[in-house]
Amino acid sequence: MKTYKQPATSKLLKRFDNELKNLLMEDLRSFRGRNPFTKSNKQEAVQQLSAA
């Protein structure tokens, strides 16, 4: 009887998830660096939406 090891697949998926998360975080950091969006801008946007 042959047994298949599930941990290898889960390790592969875990590594893929970690790599994808790292790539997305790097992209987010670079995007934030190029497009600063301060807290005051967020508050103004919320106030404009709530006034409508």
Protein backbone atom coordinates (compact mmCIF):
# COMPACT_ATOMS: atom_id res chain seq x y z
CA MET A 1 0.00 0.00 0.00
CA LYS A 2 1.32 3.40 -0.99
CA THR A 3 0.93 6.41 1.28
CA TYR A 4 1.01 9.95 0.06
CA LYS A 5 2.56 12.61 2.21
CA GLN A 6 0.21 15.54 2.69
CA PRO A 7 2.72 17.76 4.52
CA ALA A 8 4.72 18.36 1.33
CA THR A 9 1.67 19.90 -0.33
CA SER A 10 0.81 22.00 2.69
CA LYS A 11 4.43 23.18 2.93
CA LEU A 12 4.32 24.17 -0.73
CA LEU A 13 1.08 26.10 -0.25
CA LYS A 14 2.42 27.78 2.87
CA ARG A 15 5.55 28.85 1.01
CA PHE A 16 3.47 30.13 -1.91
CA ASP A 17 1.25 32.13 0.46
CA ASN A 18 4.27 33.63 2.20
CA GLU A 19 5.95 34.58 -1.08
CA LEU A 20 2.73 36.12 -2.40
CA LYS A 21 2.22 38.07 0.82
CA ASN A 22 5.79 39.37 0.69
CA LEU A 23 5.39 40.49 -2.93
CA LEU A 24 2.13 42.26 -2.16
CA MET A 25 3.61 43.98 0.89
CA GLU A 26 6.58 45.21 -1.17
CA ASP A 27 4.20 46.56 -3.80
CA LEU A 28 2.10 48.27 -1.14
CA ARG A 29 5.15 49.90 0.42
CA SER A 30 6.35 51.21 -2.92
CA PHE A 31 2.84 52.44 -3.79
CA ARG A 32 2.55 54.27 -0.48
CA GLY A 33 5.97 55.81 -1.06
CA ARG A 34 4.92 57.14 -4.46
CA ASN A 35 1.38 58.17 -3.43
CA PRO A 36 1.29 59.53 0.10
CA PHE A 37 -2.23 59.43 1.49
CA THR A 38 -2.26 61.06 4.88
CA LYS A 39 -4.69 60.54 7.71
CA SER A 40 -6.21 64.00 7.19
CA ASN A 41 -7.09 63.12 3.59
CA LYS A 42 -8.91 60.02 4.80
CA GLN A 43 -10.87 62.06 7.34
CA GLU A 44 -11.87 64.61 4.71
CA ALA A 45 -13.07 61.88 2.39
CA VAL A 46 -15.20 60.33 5.15
CA GLN A 47 -16.66 63.71 6.08
CA GLN A 48 -17.60 64.41 2.46
CA LEU A 49 -19.27 61.03 2.15
CA SER A 50 -21.18 61.43 5.40
CA ALA A 51 -22.41 64.89 4.38
CA ALA A 52 -23.95 63.57 1.18
